[in-house]
Amino acid sequence: MPVMNSDFLIHAPDGTLAAAIDVKNHKSMSLRMAIELRRHKWSEGLLPPADYYVLLSQDVGFIWAHQRDAGPDAPPSIEFSTAAIIESYVPSLAAGARLDNAALELVVRAWLDDVNHQEHHADAVEQQLARIGFLDAIRNGTWLWETV
């Protein structure tokens, strides 16, 4: 099995790598931290050559669209709060409590799977994902998860 440098990958139906997704549940993830994490992967040659790079925490998500053409310090195409996503999948989570990375990965997988199979995207985050072409890129794709 090939080594994965992201928590999960999504290949488009034509076999190209559509998205690389990392879940890093750092408390108070900032734009600066997100850019640094991506830059580190880029400088180490660990950033997969995907059309989209997604970095998610329990608090915020970042997506770089067409990131193969972007330099190491490029800002993300979109930044969005993940609070409503977490609340909808883990409604019993106590205020201020943190999920561990494995639990957050399960939430992200369930959310992306649900978003991928919806016809209409009324949610503001989902509309942003559609606007940058992310939803079309992952539709009917093959999903590979890192196993622990």
C-alpha atoms as a PDB file:
ATOM      1  CA  MET A   1       0.000   0.000   0.000  1.00  0.00           C
ATOM      2  CA  PRO A   2       1.435   3.431  -0.915  1.00  0.00           C
ATOM      3  CA  VAL A   3       2.388   5.814   1.875  1.00  0.00           C
ATOM      4  CA  MET A   4      -0.182   8.558   2.332  1.00  0.00           C
ATOM      5  CA  ASN A   5       1.042  11.986   3.297  1.00  0.00           C
ATOM      6  CA  SER A   6      -2.469  13.189   4.132  1.00  0.00           C
ATOM      7  CA  ASP A   7      -5.241  11.799   6.299  1.00  0.00           C
ATOM      8  CA  PHE A   8      -7.296  11.025   3.230  1.00  0.00           C
ATOM      9  CA  LEU A   9      -7.238  11.456  -0.517  1.00  0.00           C
ATOM     10  CA  ILE A  10     -10.004  11.729  -3.067  1.00  0.00           C
ATOM     11  CA  HIS A  11      -9.337  10.652  -6.641  1.00  0.00           C
ATOM     12  CA  ALA A  12     -11.601  11.960  -9.397  1.00  0.00           C
ATOM     13  CA  PRO A  13     -13.349   9.389 -11.604  1.00  0.00           C
ATOM     14  CA  ASP A  14     -10.640   9.930 -14.251  1.00  0.00           C
ATOM     15  CA  GLY A  15      -7.987   8.858 -11.730  1.00  0.00           C
ATOM     16  CA  THR A  16      -6.455  12.272 -11.067  1.00  0.00           C
ATOM     17  CA  LEU A  17      -5.911  13.315  -7.471  1.00  0.00           C
ATOM     18  CA  ALA A  18      -8.739  15.729  -6.740  1.00  0.00           C
ATOM     19  CA  ALA A  19      -8.154  16.478  -3.054  1.00  0.00           C
ATOM     20  CA  ALA A  20      -5.761  15.845  -0.201  1.00  0.00           C
ATOM     21  CA  ILE A  21      -7.310  16.361   3.221  1.00  0.00           C
ATOM     22  CA  ASP A  22      -5.548  16.796   6.552  1.00  0.00           C
ATOM     23  CA  VAL A  23      -7.209  16.980   9.937  1.00  0.00           C
ATOM     24  CA  LYS A  24      -5.154  18.830  12.548  1.00  0.00           C
ATOM     25  CA  ASN A  25      -7.159  19.655  15.614  1.00  0.00           C
ATOM     26  CA  HIS A  26      -4.939  22.410  16.962  1.00  0.00           C
ATOM     27  CA  LYS A  27      -6.763  24.677  19.371  1.00  0.00           C
ATOM     28  CA  SER A  28      -7.064  28.177  17.928  1.00  0.00           C
ATOM     29  CA  MET A  29      -5.912  27.221  14.425  1.00  0.00           C
ATOM     30  CA  SER A  30      -5.125  30.466  12.649  1.00  0.00           C
ATOM     31  CA  LEU A  31      -4.632  31.429   9.022  1.00  0.00           C
ATOM     32  CA  ARG A  32      -0.935  31.887   9.726  1.00  0.00           C
ATOM     33  CA  MET A  33      -0.666  28.410  11.296  1.00  0.00           C
ATOM     34  CA  ALA A  34      -2.536  26.867   8.348  1.00  0.00           C
ATOM     35  CA  ILE A  35      -0.190  28.486   5.831  1.00  0.00           C
ATOM     36  CA  GLU A  36       2.823  27.323   7.891  1.00  0.00           C
ATOM     37  CA  LEU A  37       1.545  23.734   8.037  1.00  0.00           C
ATOM     38  CA  ARG A  38       1.000  23.693   4.265  1.00  0.00           C
ATOM     39  CA  ARG A  39       4.382  25.355   3.642  1.00  0.00           C
ATOM     40  CA  HIS A  40       6.109  22.696   5.760  1.00  0.00           C
ATOM     41  CA  LYS A  41       4.482  19.877   3.791  1.00  0.00           C
ATOM     42  CA  TRP A  42       5.400  21.647   0.540  1.00  0.00           C
ATOM     43  CA  SER A  43       9.049  22.189   1.563  1.00  0.00           C
ATOM     44  CA  GLU A  44       9.429  18.551   2.664  1.00  0.00           C
ATOM     45  CA  GLY A  45       7.905  17.257  -0.574  1.00  0.00           C
ATOM     46  CA  LEU A  46       4.949  15.823   1.352  1.00  0.00           C
ATOM     47  CA  LEU A  47       2.172  17.903  -0.192  1.00  0.00           C
ATOM     48  CA  PRO A  48       0.269  15.606  -2.564  1.00  0.00           C
ATOM     49  CA  PRO A  49      -0.185  16.959  -6.116  1.00  0.00           C
ATOM     50  CA  ALA A  50      -3.944  17.344  -5.694  1.00  0.00           C
ATOM     51  CA  ASP A  51      -6.118  20.030  -7.244  1.00  0.00           C
ATOM     52  CA  TYR A  52      -7.393  20.913  -3.763  1.00  0.00           C
ATOM     53  CA  TYR A  53      -5.662  20.854  -0.409  1.00  0.00           C
ATOM     54  CA  VAL A  54      -7.972  20.868   2.609  1.00  0.00           C
ATOM     55  CA  LEU A  55      -6.854  21.520   6.180  1.00  0.00           C
ATOM     56  CA  LEU A  56      -9.496  21.189   8.892  1.00  0.00           C
ATOM     57  CA  SER A  57      -9.599  21.679  12.625  1.00  0.00           C
ATOM     58  CA  GLN A  58     -12.536  21.564  14.997  1.00  0.00           C
ATOM     59  CA  ASP A  59     -12.786  25.349  14.743  1.00  0.00           C
ATOM     60  CA  VAL A  60     -11.887  26.305  11.192  1.00  0.00           C
ATOM     61  CA  GLY A  61     -11.296  24.899   7.733  1.00  0.00           C
ATOM     62  CA  PHE A  62      -9.061  26.082   4.894  1.00  0.00           C
ATOM     63  CA  ILE A  63      -9.116  25.029   1.253  1.00  0.00           C
ATOM     64  CA  TRP A  64      -6.533  25.855  -1.376  1.00  0.00           C
ATOM     65  CA  ALA A  65      -8.093  25.515  -4.844  1.00  0.00           C
ATOM     66  CA  HIS A  66      -5.815  24.679  -7.764  1.00  0.00           C
ATOM     67  CA  GLN A  67      -3.062  24.471  -5.169  1.00  0.00           C
ATOM     68  CA  ARG A  68      -0.582  22.635  -7.392  1.00  0.00           C
ATOM     69  CA  ASP A  69       0.037  25.977  -9.103  1.00  0.00           C
ATOM     70  CA  ALA A  70       0.269  27.915  -5.833  1.00  0.00           C
ATOM     71  CA  GLY A  71       3.547  28.641  -4.093  1.00  0.00           C
ATOM     72  CA  PRO A  72       4.337  27.550  -0.558  1.00  0.00           C
ATOM     73  CA  ASP A  73       3.093  30.793   1.014  1.00  0.00           C
ATOM     74  CA  ALA A  74      -0.158  31.068  -0.934  1.00  0.00           C
ATOM     75  CA  PRO A  75      -3.206  31.913   1.156  1.00  0.00           C
ATOM     76  CA  PRO A  76      -6.153  29.515   1.041  1.00  0.00           C
ATOM     77  CA  SER A  77      -8.956  30.133  -1.436  1.00  0.00           C
ATOM     78  CA  ILE A  78     -11.509  29.926   1.356  1.00  0.00           C
ATOM     79  CA  GLU A  79     -11.542  29.905   5.143  1.00  0.00           C
ATOM     80  CA  PHE A  80     -14.664  28.861   7.038  1.00  0.00           C
ATOM     81  CA  SER A  81     -15.896  28.068  10.524  1.00  0.00           C
ATOM     82  CA  THR A  82     -16.435  24.385  11.226  1.00  0.00           C
ATOM     83  CA  ALA A  83     -18.463  24.997  14.421  1.00  0.00           C
ATOM     84  CA  ALA A  84     -21.853  24.289  12.815  1.00  0.00           C
ATOM     85  CA  ILE A  85     -20.486  21.152  11.145  1.00  0.00           C
ATOM     86  CA  ILE A  86     -19.171  19.789  14.447  1.00  0.00           C
ATOM     87  CA  GLU A  87     -22.416  20.694  16.231  1.00  0.00           C
ATOM     88  CA  SER A  88     -24.536  18.867  13.651  1.00  0.00           C
ATOM     89  CA  TYR A  89     -22.488  15.641  13.868  1.00  0.00           C
ATOM     90  CA  VAL A  90     -21.616  15.711  17.581  1.00  0.00           C
ATOM     91  CA  PRO A  91     -24.501  17.590  19.242  1.00  0.00           C
ATOM     92  CA  SER A  92     -23.641  16.187  22.676  1.00  0.00           C
ATOM     93  CA  LEU A  93     -20.119  17.657  22.679  1.00  0.00           C
ATOM     94  CA  ALA A  94     -19.767  19.857  25.755  1.00  0.00           C
ATOM     95  CA  ALA A  95     -18.943  23.517  25.211  1.00  0.00           C
ATOM     96  CA  GLY A  96     -15.177  23.941  25.061  1.00  0.00           C
ATOM     97  CA  ALA A  97     -14.498  20.198  24.748  1.00  0.00           C
ATOM     98  CA  ARG A  98     -12.039  19.050  22.082  1.00  0.00           C
ATOM     99  CA  LEU A  99     -12.365  16.005  19.879  1.00  0.00           C
ATOM    100  CA  ASP A 100      -9.234  13.948  19.378  1.00  0.00           C
ATOM    101  CA  ASN A 101      -7.887  13.775  15.833  1.00  0.00           C
ATOM    102  CA  ALA A 102      -9.381  10.312  15.158  1.00  0.00           C
ATOM    103  CA  ALA A 103     -12.872  11.439  16.197  1.00  0.00           C
ATOM    104  CA  LEU A 104     -12.577  14.624  14.162  1.00  0.00           C
ATOM    105  CA  GLU A 105     -11.490  12.602  11.118  1.00  0.00           C
ATOM    106  CA  LEU A 106     -14.695  10.542  11.427  1.00  0.00           C
ATOM    107  CA  VAL A 107     -16.787  13.721  11.580  1.00  0.00           C
ATOM    108  CA  VAL A 108     -14.998  15.171   8.540  1.00  0.00           C
ATOM    109  CA  ARG A 109     -15.450  11.961   6.570  1.00  0.00           C
ATOM    110  CA  ALA A 110     -19.164  11.811   7.389  1.00  0.00           C
ATOM    111  CA  TRP A 111     -19.660  15.490   6.560  1.00  0.00           C
ATOM    112  CA  LEU A 112     -17.824  15.332   3.226  1.00  0.00           C
ATOM    113  CA  ASP A 113     -19.663  12.147   2.294  1.00  0.00           C
ATOM    114  CA  ASP A 114     -23.010  13.796   3.083  1.00  0.00           C
ATOM    115  CA  VAL A 115     -22.111  16.989   1.213  1.00  0.00           C
ATOM    116  CA  ASN A 116     -20.928  14.941  -1.753  1.00  0.00           C
ATOM    117  CA  HIS A 117     -24.294  13.163  -2.052  1.00  0.00           C
ATOM    118  CA  GLN A 118     -26.588  16.181  -1.666  1.00  0.00           C
ATOM    119  CA  GLU A 119     -28.318  17.713  -4.656  1.00  0.00           C
ATOM    120  CA  HIS A 120     -28.810  21.192  -3.229  1.00  0.00           C
ATOM    121  CA  HIS A 121     -26.278  23.073  -1.145  1.00  0.00           C
ATOM    122  CA  ALA A 122     -28.076  25.691   0.901  1.00  0.00           C
ATOM    123  CA  ASP A 123     -25.497  25.946   3.677  1.00  0.00           C
ATOM    124  CA  ALA A 124     -23.074  28.895   3.317  1.00  0.00           C
ATOM    125  CA  VAL A 125     -19.993  26.655   3.627  1.00  0.00           C
ATOM    126  CA  GLU A 126     -21.339  24.224   1.046  1.00  0.00           C
ATOM    127  CA  GLN A 127     -22.035  27.133  -1.309  1.00  0.00           C
ATOM    128  CA  GLN A 128     -18.406  28.233  -0.930  1.00  0.00           C
ATOM    129  CA  LEU A 129     -17.240  24.687  -1.683  1.00  0.00           C
ATOM    130  CA  ALA A 130     -19.395  24.635  -4.799  1.00  0.00           C
ATOM    131  CA  ARG A 131     -18.211  28.102  -5.889  1.00  0.00           C
ATOM    132  CA  ILE A 132     -14.539  27.083  -5.919  1.00  0.00           C
ATOM    133  CA  GLY A 133     -15.342  23.820  -7.760  1.00  0.00           C
ATOM    134  CA  PHE A 134     -14.485  21.512  -4.870  1.00  0.00           C
ATOM    135  CA  LEU A 135     -17.801  19.651  -4.875  1.00  0.00           C
ATOM    136  CA  ASP A 136     -17.637  18.968  -8.605  1.00  0.00           C
ATOM    137  CA  ALA A 137     -14.021  17.810  -8.245  1.00  0.00           C
ATOM    138  CA  ILE A 138     -14.827  15.164  -5.606  1.00  0.00           C
ATOM    139  CA  ARG A 139     -18.185  14.010  -6.971  1.00  0.00           C
ATOM    140  CA  ASN A 140     -18.190  10.265  -7.707  1.00  0.00           C
ATOM    141  CA  GLY A 141     -14.561  10.066  -6.683  1.00  0.00           C
ATOM    142  CA  THR A 142     -12.683   7.266  -4.961  1.00  0.00           C
ATOM    143  CA  TRP A 143     -11.856   7.977  -1.326  1.00  0.00           C
ATOM    144  CA  LEU A 144      -8.743   6.601   0.361  1.00  0.00           C
ATOM    145  CA  TRP A 145      -8.433   6.821   4.150  1.00  0.00           C
ATOM    146  CA  GLU A 146      -5.269   6.444   6.139  1.00  0.00           C
ATOM    147  CA  THR A 147      -5.622   3.446   8.445  1.00  0.00           C
ATOM    148  CA  VAL A 148      -4.087   3.437  11.867  1.00  0.00           C
END
